[in-house]
Amino acid sequence: MLEGKFEEASLLKKVIESIKDSVKLCNFNCSQSKGITVQAIDDSRVLLIALKIDSGSFQEFRCDRDLVLGLDLESLSKILKQGNNEDYLTIIAEDSPDSLLVVFEDKKKDRISEFSLKLMDIDSDVLTIDDMEHDCSITMPAYEFAKIARDMKTLSESLQIIITKDSVKFNAEGQIGSGSIILKPHTDMEKPDESIKIELNQPVVLTFGAKYLNDIVKATALSSTVTIKLTDKAPALFEYRLPSGYLRYYLAPKFDDED
């Protein structure tokens, strides 16, 4: 049996809102040792999502045996909207489940809401994602990266990221014009999450689809910072930390022969 209780429903709500526009159907893999993990690829096979909600993200967590829950994220999102952000949220599944029970407990009123979501049989390939060395890494405020991605999408369908030891430059060129934003590394002692940190092994210039970046920044509500790891001619890693765990996006770059 699986039983996981969140202190606040808002955490799972934010996670599902962050990924449901990129992947519609995915398997939640549940185990006592790893908590809940998800690996899913979007239909275009350009964006891979890896989610890990460790048991430390739950107020209470038990999983008597490994379970796979096939979920329609749009349907799960609709159910999660029935509860308040501050409610206790408990998810429950039997050992051979055909549904997932979602329970909200209002902390202010004597009110419990229960919803049952039918599970699906979803075929999915589990890829081995190695922790590879990266040419460079940037850690910056998540809201700032989100603003850049959204602003630049108004100019172009592509966003170029140029990393040197002195700066990170975001560059967009489109039919109506062009724009660039340059950020310098700095440390904010009073507000560490406002700092910008660059770790560089070698400079990198990569271009990404603006649409995918705008899907990725939907995770901004999950974390105050985002870490971006880039390697020449390889998928980029965008990581948002959870209270215990992470949400990672692996995005393939665009190459010169692509539109």
C-alpha atoms as a PDB file:
ATOM      1  CA  MET A   1       0.000   0.000   0.000  1.00  0.00           C
ATOM      2  CA  LEU A   2       1.094   3.540  -0.790  1.00  0.00           C
ATOM      3  CA  GLU A   3       0.203   6.390   1.530  1.00  0.00           C
ATOM      4  CA  GLY A   4       1.871   9.775   1.214  1.00  0.00           C
ATOM      5  CA  LYS A   5       0.752  12.832   3.170  1.00  0.00           C
ATOM      6  CA  PHE A   6       1.902  16.332   2.216  1.00  0.00           C
ATOM      7  CA  GLU A   7       1.924  19.120   4.807  1.00  0.00           C
ATOM      8  CA  GLU A   8       0.433  21.354   2.105  1.00  0.00           C
ATOM      9  CA  ALA A   9      -1.350  20.443  -1.127  1.00  0.00           C
ATOM     10  CA  SER A  10       0.462  23.283  -2.891  1.00  0.00           C
ATOM     11  CA  LEU A  11       3.660  21.266  -3.465  1.00  0.00           C
ATOM     12  CA  LEU A  12       2.060  18.540  -5.592  1.00  0.00           C
ATOM     13  CA  LYS A  13      -0.164  21.132  -7.284  1.00  0.00           C
ATOM     14  CA  LYS A  14       2.890  23.129  -8.371  1.00  0.00           C
ATOM     15  CA  VAL A  15       4.712  20.010  -9.577  1.00  0.00           C
ATOM     16  CA  ILE A  16       1.799  18.886 -11.763  1.00  0.00           C
ATOM     17  CA  GLU A  17       1.219  22.396 -13.145  1.00  0.00           C
ATOM     18  CA  SER A  18       4.918  22.515 -14.042  1.00  0.00           C
ATOM     19  CA  ILE A  19       4.874  19.406 -16.233  1.00  0.00           C
ATOM     20  CA  LYS A  20       1.327  18.781 -17.471  1.00  0.00           C
ATOM     21  CA  ASP A  21       1.664  20.991 -20.561  1.00  0.00           C
ATOM     22  CA  SER A  22       4.816  19.128 -21.629  1.00  0.00           C
ATOM     23  CA  VAL A  23       3.671  15.549 -21.000  1.00  0.00           C
ATOM     24  CA  LYS A  24       0.064  14.380 -20.813  1.00  0.00           C
ATOM     25  CA  LEU A  25       0.475  10.826 -19.526  1.00  0.00           C
ATOM     26  CA  CYS A  26       3.207   9.450 -17.286  1.00  0.00           C
ATOM     27  CA  ASN A  27       3.992   6.784 -14.726  1.00  0.00           C
ATOM     28  CA  PHE A  28       4.598   7.671 -11.093  1.00  0.00           C
ATOM     29  CA  ASN A  29       7.066   5.084  -9.777  1.00  0.00           C
ATOM     30  CA  CYS A  30       6.679   4.686  -6.017  1.00  0.00           C
ATOM     31  CA  SER A  31       9.030   2.936  -3.593  1.00  0.00           C
ATOM     32  CA  GLN A  32       9.921   3.178   0.076  1.00  0.00           C
ATOM     33  CA  SER A  33      13.567   4.007  -0.644  1.00  0.00           C
ATOM     34  CA  LYS A  34      13.161   6.514  -3.493  1.00  0.00           C
ATOM     35  CA  GLY A  35       9.778   8.084  -2.754  1.00  0.00           C
ATOM     36  CA  ILE A  36       8.078   9.022  -6.037  1.00  0.00           C
ATOM     37  CA  THR A  37      10.008   9.285  -9.292  1.00  0.00           C
ATOM     38  CA  VAL A  38       8.804  10.191 -12.786  1.00  0.00           C
ATOM     39  CA  GLN A  39      10.556  10.081 -16.123  1.00  0.00           C
ATOM     40  CA  ALA A  40       8.670  11.248 -19.202  1.00  0.00           C
ATOM     41  CA  ILE A  41       9.420  12.539 -22.711  1.00  0.00           C
ATOM     42  CA  ASP A  42       7.286  15.032 -24.607  1.00  0.00           C
ATOM     43  CA  ASP A  43       5.688  14.040 -27.922  1.00  0.00           C
ATOM     44  CA  SER A  44       8.366  15.792 -29.971  1.00  0.00           C
ATOM     45  CA  ARG A  45      11.091  13.891 -28.058  1.00  0.00           C
ATOM     46  CA  VAL A  46      12.960  17.146 -27.486  1.00  0.00           C
ATOM     47  CA  LEU A  47      12.238  17.545 -23.758  1.00  0.00           C
ATOM     48  CA  LEU A  48      12.796  14.911 -21.066  1.00  0.00           C
ATOM     49  CA  ILE A  49      11.391  15.427 -17.575  1.00  0.00           C
ATOM     50  CA  ALA A  50      12.842  13.750 -14.484  1.00  0.00           C
ATOM     51  CA  LEU A  51      11.072  14.228 -11.154  1.00  0.00           C
ATOM     52  CA  LYS A  52      12.088  12.952  -7.728  1.00  0.00           C
ATOM     53  CA  ILE A  53       9.897  13.586  -4.683  1.00  0.00           C
ATOM     54  CA  ASP A  54      11.853  12.058  -1.821  1.00  0.00           C
ATOM     55  CA  SER A  55      10.104  10.776   1.280  1.00  0.00           C
ATOM     56  CA  GLY A  56      11.446  13.901   3.057  1.00  0.00           C
ATOM     57  CA  SER A  57       8.984  16.017   1.042  1.00  0.00           C
ATOM     58  CA  PHE A  58       6.114  14.255   2.818  1.00  0.00           C
ATOM     59  CA  GLN A  59       4.877  14.684   6.361  1.00  0.00           C
ATOM     60  CA  GLU A  60       4.222  10.930   6.373  1.00  0.00           C
ATOM     61  CA  PHE A  61       5.207   8.370   3.726  1.00  0.00           C
ATOM     62  CA  ARG A  62       4.916   4.602   3.405  1.00  0.00           C
ATOM     63  CA  CYS A  63       5.132   2.350   0.390  1.00  0.00           C
ATOM     64  CA  ASP A  64       4.954  -1.353   1.270  1.00  0.00           C
ATOM     65  CA  ARG A  65       5.933  -2.518  -2.195  1.00  0.00           C
ATOM     66  CA  ASP A  66       7.062  -0.876  -5.429  1.00  0.00           C
ATOM     67  CA  LEU A  67       4.105   0.540  -7.370  1.00  0.00           C
ATOM     68  CA  VAL A  68       3.630   2.116 -10.782  1.00  0.00           C
ATOM     69  CA  LEU A  69       0.751   4.597 -11.062  1.00  0.00           C
ATOM     70  CA  GLY A  70      -0.204   5.523 -14.631  1.00  0.00           C
ATOM     71  CA  LEU A  71      -1.672   9.023 -14.489  1.00  0.00           C
ATOM     72  CA  ASP A  72      -3.346  11.458 -16.857  1.00  0.00           C
ATOM     73  CA  LEU A  73      -1.836  14.706 -15.601  1.00  0.00           C
ATOM     74  CA  GLU A  74      -4.639  16.896 -16.922  1.00  0.00           C
ATOM     75  CA  SER A  75      -7.169  14.830 -14.956  1.00  0.00           C
ATOM     76  CA  LEU A  76      -4.970  14.858 -11.853  1.00  0.00           C
ATOM     77  CA  SER A  77      -4.627  18.637 -12.161  1.00  0.00           C
ATOM     78  CA  LYS A  78      -8.418  19.030 -12.196  1.00  0.00           C
ATOM     79  CA  ILE A  79      -8.734  16.982  -9.011  1.00  0.00           C
ATOM     80  CA  LEU A  80      -5.922  18.850  -7.247  1.00  0.00           C
ATOM     81  CA  LYS A  81      -7.694  22.150  -7.922  1.00  0.00           C
ATOM     82  CA  GLN A  82     -10.573  20.948  -5.713  1.00  0.00           C
ATOM     83  CA  GLY A  83      -8.446  21.446  -2.594  1.00  0.00           C
ATOM     84  CA  ASN A  84      -6.949  24.522  -0.956  1.00  0.00           C
ATOM     85  CA  ASN A  85      -3.216  25.115  -1.200  1.00  0.00           C
ATOM     86  CA  GLU A  86      -2.855  24.939   2.593  1.00  0.00           C
ATOM     87  CA  ASP A  87      -4.835  21.682   3.006  1.00  0.00           C
ATOM     88  CA  TYR A  88      -3.188  18.463   4.063  1.00  0.00           C
ATOM     89  CA  LEU A  89      -3.043  16.288   0.931  1.00  0.00           C
ATOM     90  CA  THR A  90      -2.836  12.517   1.135  1.00  0.00           C
ATOM     91  CA  ILE A  91      -2.484  10.173  -1.826  1.00  0.00           C
ATOM     92  CA  ILE A  92      -3.405   6.522  -1.288  1.00  0.00           C
ATOM     93  CA  ALA A  93      -3.130   3.458  -3.543  1.00  0.00           C
ATOM     94  CA  GLU A  94      -3.627  -0.239  -2.871  1.00  0.00           C
ATOM     95  CA  ASP A  95      -1.004  -2.850  -3.763  1.00  0.00           C
ATOM     96  CA  SER A  96      -2.655  -3.648  -7.114  1.00  0.00           C
ATOM     97  CA  PRO A  97      -4.356  -0.334  -7.747  1.00  0.00           C
ATOM     98  CA  ASP A  98      -6.843   0.588 -10.450  1.00  0.00           C
ATOM     99  CA  SER A  99      -7.330   4.062  -8.948  1.00  0.00           C
ATOM    100  CA  LEU A 100      -5.561   6.684  -6.887  1.00  0.00           C
ATOM    101  CA  LEU A 101      -7.362   8.127  -3.870  1.00  0.00           C
ATOM    102  CA  VAL A 102      -6.721  11.847  -3.270  1.00  0.00           C
ATOM    103  CA  VAL A 103      -7.757  13.192   0.148  1.00  0.00           C
ATOM    104  CA  PHE A 104      -7.809  16.856   1.219  1.00  0.00           C
ATOM    105  CA  GLU A 105      -8.082  17.829   4.893  1.00  0.00           C
ATOM    106  CA  ASP A 106      -8.923  21.454   5.600  1.00  0.00           C
ATOM    107  CA  LYS A 107      -6.804  22.654   8.535  1.00  0.00           C
ATOM    108  CA  LYS A 108      -9.272  25.386   9.517  1.00  0.00           C
ATOM    109  CA  LYS A 109     -12.569  23.545   9.135  1.00  0.00           C
ATOM    110  CA  ASP A 110     -13.745  20.054   9.972  1.00  0.00           C
ATOM    111  CA  ARG A 111     -13.834  19.197   6.271  1.00  0.00           C
ATOM    112  CA  ILE A 112     -12.417  16.212   4.388  1.00  0.00           C
ATOM    113  CA  SER A 113     -12.732  15.825   0.603  1.00  0.00           C
ATOM    114  CA  GLU A 114     -12.004  12.546  -1.181  1.00  0.00           C
ATOM    115  CA  PHE A 115     -11.558  11.992  -4.909  1.00  0.00           C
ATOM    116  CA  SER A 116     -10.762   8.819  -6.833  1.00  0.00           C
ATOM    117  CA  LEU A 117      -8.779   9.031 -10.074  1.00  0.00           C
ATOM    118  CA  LYS A 118      -8.738   6.065 -12.453  1.00  0.00           C
ATOM    119  CA  LEU A 119      -5.268   4.830 -13.304  1.00  0.00           C
ATOM    120  CA  MET A 120      -4.046   4.052 -16.798  1.00  0.00           C
ATOM    121  CA  ASP A 121      -1.732   1.449 -18.309  1.00  0.00           C
ATOM    122  CA  ILE A 122       1.018   3.582 -19.858  1.00  0.00           C
ATOM    123  CA  ASP A 123       3.941   2.234 -21.846  1.00  0.00           C
ATOM    124  CA  SER A 124       7.091   4.210 -21.173  1.00  0.00           C
ATOM    125  CA  ASP A 125      10.786   3.764 -21.764  1.00  0.00           C
ATOM    126  CA  VAL A 126      13.005   4.372 -18.775  1.00  0.00           C
ATOM    127  CA  LEU A 127      16.251   5.930 -19.895  1.00  0.00           C
ATOM    128  CA  THR A 128      19.486   5.848 -17.973  1.00  0.00           C
ATOM    129  CA  ILE A 129      20.540   9.426 -17.329  1.00  0.00           C
ATOM    130  CA  ASP A 130      24.185   9.570 -16.359  1.00  0.00           C
ATOM    131  CA  ASP A 131      25.580  12.372 -14.235  1.00  0.00           C
ATOM    132  CA  MET A 132      27.879  13.767 -16.880  1.00  0.00           C
ATOM    133  CA  GLU A 133      30.492  16.472 -16.692  1.00  0.00           C
ATOM    134  CA  HIS A 134      29.227  19.802 -17.999  1.00  0.00           C
ATOM    135  CA  ASP A 135      31.106  22.558 -19.772  1.00  0.00           C
ATOM    136  CA  CYS A 136      29.451  25.194 -17.597  1.00  0.00           C
ATOM    137  CA  SER A 137      26.816  25.759 -14.948  1.00  0.00           C
ATOM    138  CA  ILE A 138      24.744  28.818 -14.050  1.00  0.00           C
ATOM    139  CA  THR A 139      22.686  29.230 -10.888  1.00  0.00           C
ATOM    140  CA  MET A 140      20.373  32.242 -10.899  1.00  0.00           C
ATOM    141  CA  PRO A 141      17.033  33.440  -9.513  1.00  0.00           C
ATOM    142  CA  ALA A 142      14.252  31.363 -11.042  1.00  0.00           C
ATOM    143  CA  TYR A 143      11.953  34.360 -11.540  1.00  0.00           C
ATOM    144  CA  GLU A 144      14.668  36.198 -13.484  1.00  0.00           C
ATOM    145  CA  PHE A 145      15.216  33.294 -15.877  1.00  0.00           C
ATOM    146  CA  ALA A 146      11.430  33.015 -16.343  1.00  0.00           C
ATOM    147  CA  LYS A 147      11.149  36.704 -17.242  1.00  0.00           C
ATOM    148  CA  ILE A 148      13.988  36.412 -19.771  1.00  0.00           C
ATOM    149  CA  ALA A 149      12.428  33.334 -21.419  1.00  0.00           C
ATOM    150  CA  ARG A 150       9.017  34.994 -21.674  1.00  0.00           C
ATOM    151  CA  ASP A 151      10.307  38.368 -22.837  1.00  0.00           C
ATOM    152  CA  MET A 152      12.570  36.903 -25.510  1.00  0.00           C
ATOM    153  CA  LYS A 153       9.815  34.659 -26.878  1.00  0.00           C
ATOM    154  CA  THR A 154       8.061  37.823 -28.098  1.00  0.00           C
ATOM    155  CA  LEU A 155      11.033  38.400 -30.428  1.00  0.00           C
ATOM    156  CA  SER A 156      11.962  34.948 -31.642  1.00  0.00           C
ATOM    157  CA  GLU A 157      11.127  31.249 -31.559  1.00  0.00           C
ATOM    158  CA  SER A 158      14.732  30.598 -30.510  1.00  0.00           C
ATOM    159  CA  LEU A 159      16.844  31.768 -27.593  1.00  0.00           C
ATOM    160  CA  GLN A 160      20.619  31.645 -27.733  1.00  0.00           C
ATOM    161  CA  ILE A 161      22.581  31.277 -24.491  1.00  0.00           C
ATOM    162  CA  ILE A 162      26.234  32.338 -24.514  1.00  0.00           C
ATOM    163  CA  ILE A 163      28.358  31.575 -21.451  1.00  0.00           C
ATOM    164  CA  THR A 164      31.793  32.989 -20.681  1.00  0.00           C
ATOM    165  CA  LYS A 165      33.586  33.243 -17.340  1.00  0.00           C
ATOM    166  CA  ASP A 166      32.500  36.882 -17.082  1.00  0.00           C
ATOM    167  CA  SER A 167      28.841  36.697 -18.094  1.00  0.00           C
ATOM    168  CA  VAL A 168      25.819  34.833 -19.388  1.00  0.00           C
ATOM    169  CA  LYS A 169      24.175  36.385 -22.434  1.00  0.00           C
ATOM    170  CA  PHE A 170      20.659  35.595 -23.679  1.00  0.00           C
ATOM    171  CA  ASN A 171      20.188  36.546 -27.312  1.00  0.00           C
ATOM    172  CA  ALA A 172      17.075  36.486 -29.548  1.00  0.00           C
ATOM    173  CA  GLU A 173      16.715  37.502 -33.195  1.00  0.00           C
ATOM    174  CA  GLY A 174      13.415  37.504 -35.043  1.00  0.00           C
ATOM    175  CA  GLN A 175      11.465  39.190 -37.817  1.00  0.00           C
ATOM    176  CA  ILE A 176      10.502  42.227 -35.750  1.00  0.00           C
ATOM    177  CA  GLY A 177      13.967  42.783 -34.335  1.00  0.00           C
ATOM    178  CA  SER A 178      16.480  41.459 -31.852  1.00  0.00           C
ATOM    179  CA  GLY A 179      17.314  41.700 -28.192  1.00  0.00           C
ATOM    180  CA  SER A 180      19.924  40.579 -25.701  1.00  0.00           C
ATOM    181  CA  ILE A 181      20.258  40.438 -21.931  1.00  0.00           C
ATOM    182  CA  ILE A 182      23.627  40.126 -20.230  1.00  0.00           C
ATOM    183  CA  LEU A 183      23.978  39.018 -16.606  1.00  0.00           C
ATOM    184  CA  LYS A 184      27.205  39.181 -14.603  1.00  0.00           C
ATOM    185  CA  PRO A 185      28.000  36.826 -11.738  1.00  0.00           C
ATOM    186  CA  HIS A 186      27.575  38.372  -8.288  1.00  0.00           C
ATOM    187  CA  THR A 187      27.000  37.292  -4.713  1.00  0.00           C
ATOM    188  CA  ASP A 188      24.223  38.810  -2.611  1.00  0.00           C
ATOM    189  CA  MET A 189      25.099  38.114   1.029  1.00  0.00           C
ATOM    190  CA  GLU A 190      21.756  39.346   2.378  1.00  0.00           C
ATOM    191  CA  LYS A 191      19.662  37.490  -0.203  1.00  0.00           C
ATOM    192  CA  PRO A 192      21.681  34.466  -1.390  1.00  0.00           C
ATOM    193  CA  ASP A 193      18.879  33.368  -3.748  1.00  0.00           C
ATOM    194  CA  GLU A 194      19.399  36.626  -5.677  1.00  0.00           C
ATOM    195  CA  SER A 195      22.999  35.684  -6.473  1.00  0.00           C
ATOM    196  CA  ILE A 196      24.184  34.657  -9.938  1.00  0.00           C
ATOM    197  CA  LYS A 197      26.906  32.010 -10.004  1.00  0.00           C
ATOM    198  CA  ILE A 198      28.823  30.817 -13.073  1.00  0.00           C
ATOM    199  CA  GLU A 199      31.071  27.757 -13.047  1.00  0.00           C
ATOM    200  CA  LEU A 200      32.982  27.383 -16.306  1.00  0.00           C
ATOM    201  CA  ASN A 201      35.179  24.673 -17.737  1.00  0.00           C
ATOM    202  CA  GLN A 202      34.900  26.079 -21.242  1.00  0.00           C
ATOM    203  CA  PRO A 203      32.689  28.675 -22.989  1.00  0.00           C
ATOM    204  CA  VAL A 204      29.435  27.469 -24.551  1.00  0.00           C
ATOM    205  CA  VAL A 205      27.075  28.839 -27.204  1.00  0.00           C
ATOM    206  CA  LEU A 206      23.778  26.942 -27.574  1.00  0.00           C
ATOM    207  CA  THR A 207      20.351  27.731 -29.016  1.00  0.00           C
ATOM    208  CA  PHE A 208      17.034  26.396 -27.688  1.00  0.00           C
ATOM    209  CA  GLY A 209      13.420  26.501 -28.751  1.00  0.00           C
ATOM    210  CA  ALA A 210      11.665  29.352 -26.937  1.00  0.00           C
ATOM    211  CA  LYS A 211       8.462  27.303 -26.643  1.00  0.00           C
ATOM    212  CA  TYR A 212      10.217  24.613 -24.597  1.00  0.00           C
ATOM    213  CA  LEU A 213      11.943  27.149 -22.362  1.00  0.00           C
ATOM    214  CA  ASN A 214       8.563  28.713 -21.627  1.00  0.00           C
ATOM    215  CA  ASP A 215       7.249  25.289 -20.638  1.00  0.00           C
ATOM    216  CA  ILE A 216      10.255  24.778 -18.366  1.00  0.00           C
ATOM    217  CA  VAL A 217       9.840  28.093 -16.516  1.00  0.00           C
ATOM    218  CA  LYS A 218       6.377  26.991 -15.379  1.00  0.00           C
ATOM    219  CA  ALA A 219       8.368  25.338 -12.566  1.00  0.00           C
ATOM    220  CA  THR A 220       9.409  28.759 -11.216  1.00  0.00           C
ATOM    221  CA  ALA A 221       6.856  28.491  -8.387  1.00  0.00           C
ATOM    222  CA  LEU A 222       8.686  25.416  -7.055  1.00  0.00           C
ATOM    223  CA  SER A 223      12.060  26.945  -6.306  1.00  0.00           C
ATOM    224  CA  SER A 224      13.668  30.335  -5.766  1.00  0.00           C
ATOM    225  CA  THR A 225      16.645  29.397  -7.946  1.00  0.00           C
ATOM    226  CA  VAL A 226      17.278  27.447 -11.140  1.00  0.00           C
ATOM    227  CA  THR A 227      20.530  25.731 -12.088  1.00  0.00           C
ATOM    228  CA  ILE A 228      21.299  25.442 -15.801  1.00  0.00           C
ATOM    229  CA  LYS A 229      24.060  23.063 -16.919  1.00  0.00           C
ATOM    230  CA  LEU A 230      25.254  23.286 -20.511  1.00  0.00           C
ATOM    231  CA  THR A 231      27.546  21.161 -22.653  1.00  0.00           C
ATOM    232  CA  ASP A 232      28.401  21.757 -26.292  1.00  0.00           C
ATOM    233  CA  LYS A 233      26.098  19.818 -28.673  1.00  0.00           C
ATOM    234  CA  ALA A 234      24.364  18.004 -25.797  1.00  0.00           C
ATOM    235  CA  PRO A 235      21.017  18.387 -24.003  1.00  0.00           C
ATOM    236  CA  ALA A 236      20.952  21.117 -21.363  1.00  0.00           C
ATOM    237  CA  LEU A 237      19.868  20.402 -17.801  1.00  0.00           C
ATOM    238  CA  PHE A 238      17.503  22.807 -16.015  1.00  0.00           C
ATOM    239  CA  GLU A 239      17.063  21.900 -12.344  1.00  0.00           C
ATOM    240  CA  TYR A 240      14.589  23.178  -9.757  1.00  0.00           C
ATOM    241  CA  ARG A 241      15.107  21.890  -6.225  1.00  0.00           C
ATOM    242  CA  LEU A 242      12.191  20.596  -4.153  1.00  0.00           C
ATOM    243  CA  PRO A 243      12.151  20.540  -0.314  1.00  0.00           C
ATOM    244  CA  SER A 244      13.550  17.029  -0.703  1.00  0.00           C
ATOM    245  CA  GLY A 245      14.126  16.032  -4.314  1.00  0.00           C
ATOM    246  CA  TYR A 246      14.161  17.832  -7.656  1.00  0.00           C
ATOM    247  CA  LEU A 247      12.420  18.553 -10.936  1.00  0.00           C
ATOM    248  CA  ARG A 248      14.819  18.361 -13.887  1.00  0.00           C
ATOM    249  CA  TYR A 249      14.283  19.155 -17.529  1.00  0.00           C
ATOM    250  CA  TYR A 250      16.686  17.906 -20.203  1.00  0.00           C
ATOM    251  CA  LEU A 251      16.262  19.981 -23.368  1.00  0.00           C
ATOM    252  CA  ALA A 252      17.936  19.205 -26.692  1.00  0.00           C
ATOM    253  CA  PRO A 253      19.501  22.250 -28.375  1.00  0.00           C
ATOM    254  CA  LYS A 254      18.662  23.494 -31.845  1.00  0.00           C
ATOM    255  CA  PHE A 255      21.313  23.244 -34.535  1.00  0.00           C
ATOM    256  CA  ASP A 256      22.125  25.492 -37.497  1.00  0.00           C
ATOM    257  CA  ASP A 257      20.194  23.405 -40.005  1.00  0.00           C
ATOM    258  CA  GLU A 258      16.963  23.740 -38.004  1.00  0.00           C
ATOM    259  CA  ASP A 259      14.472  26.563 -38.521  1.00  0.00           C
END
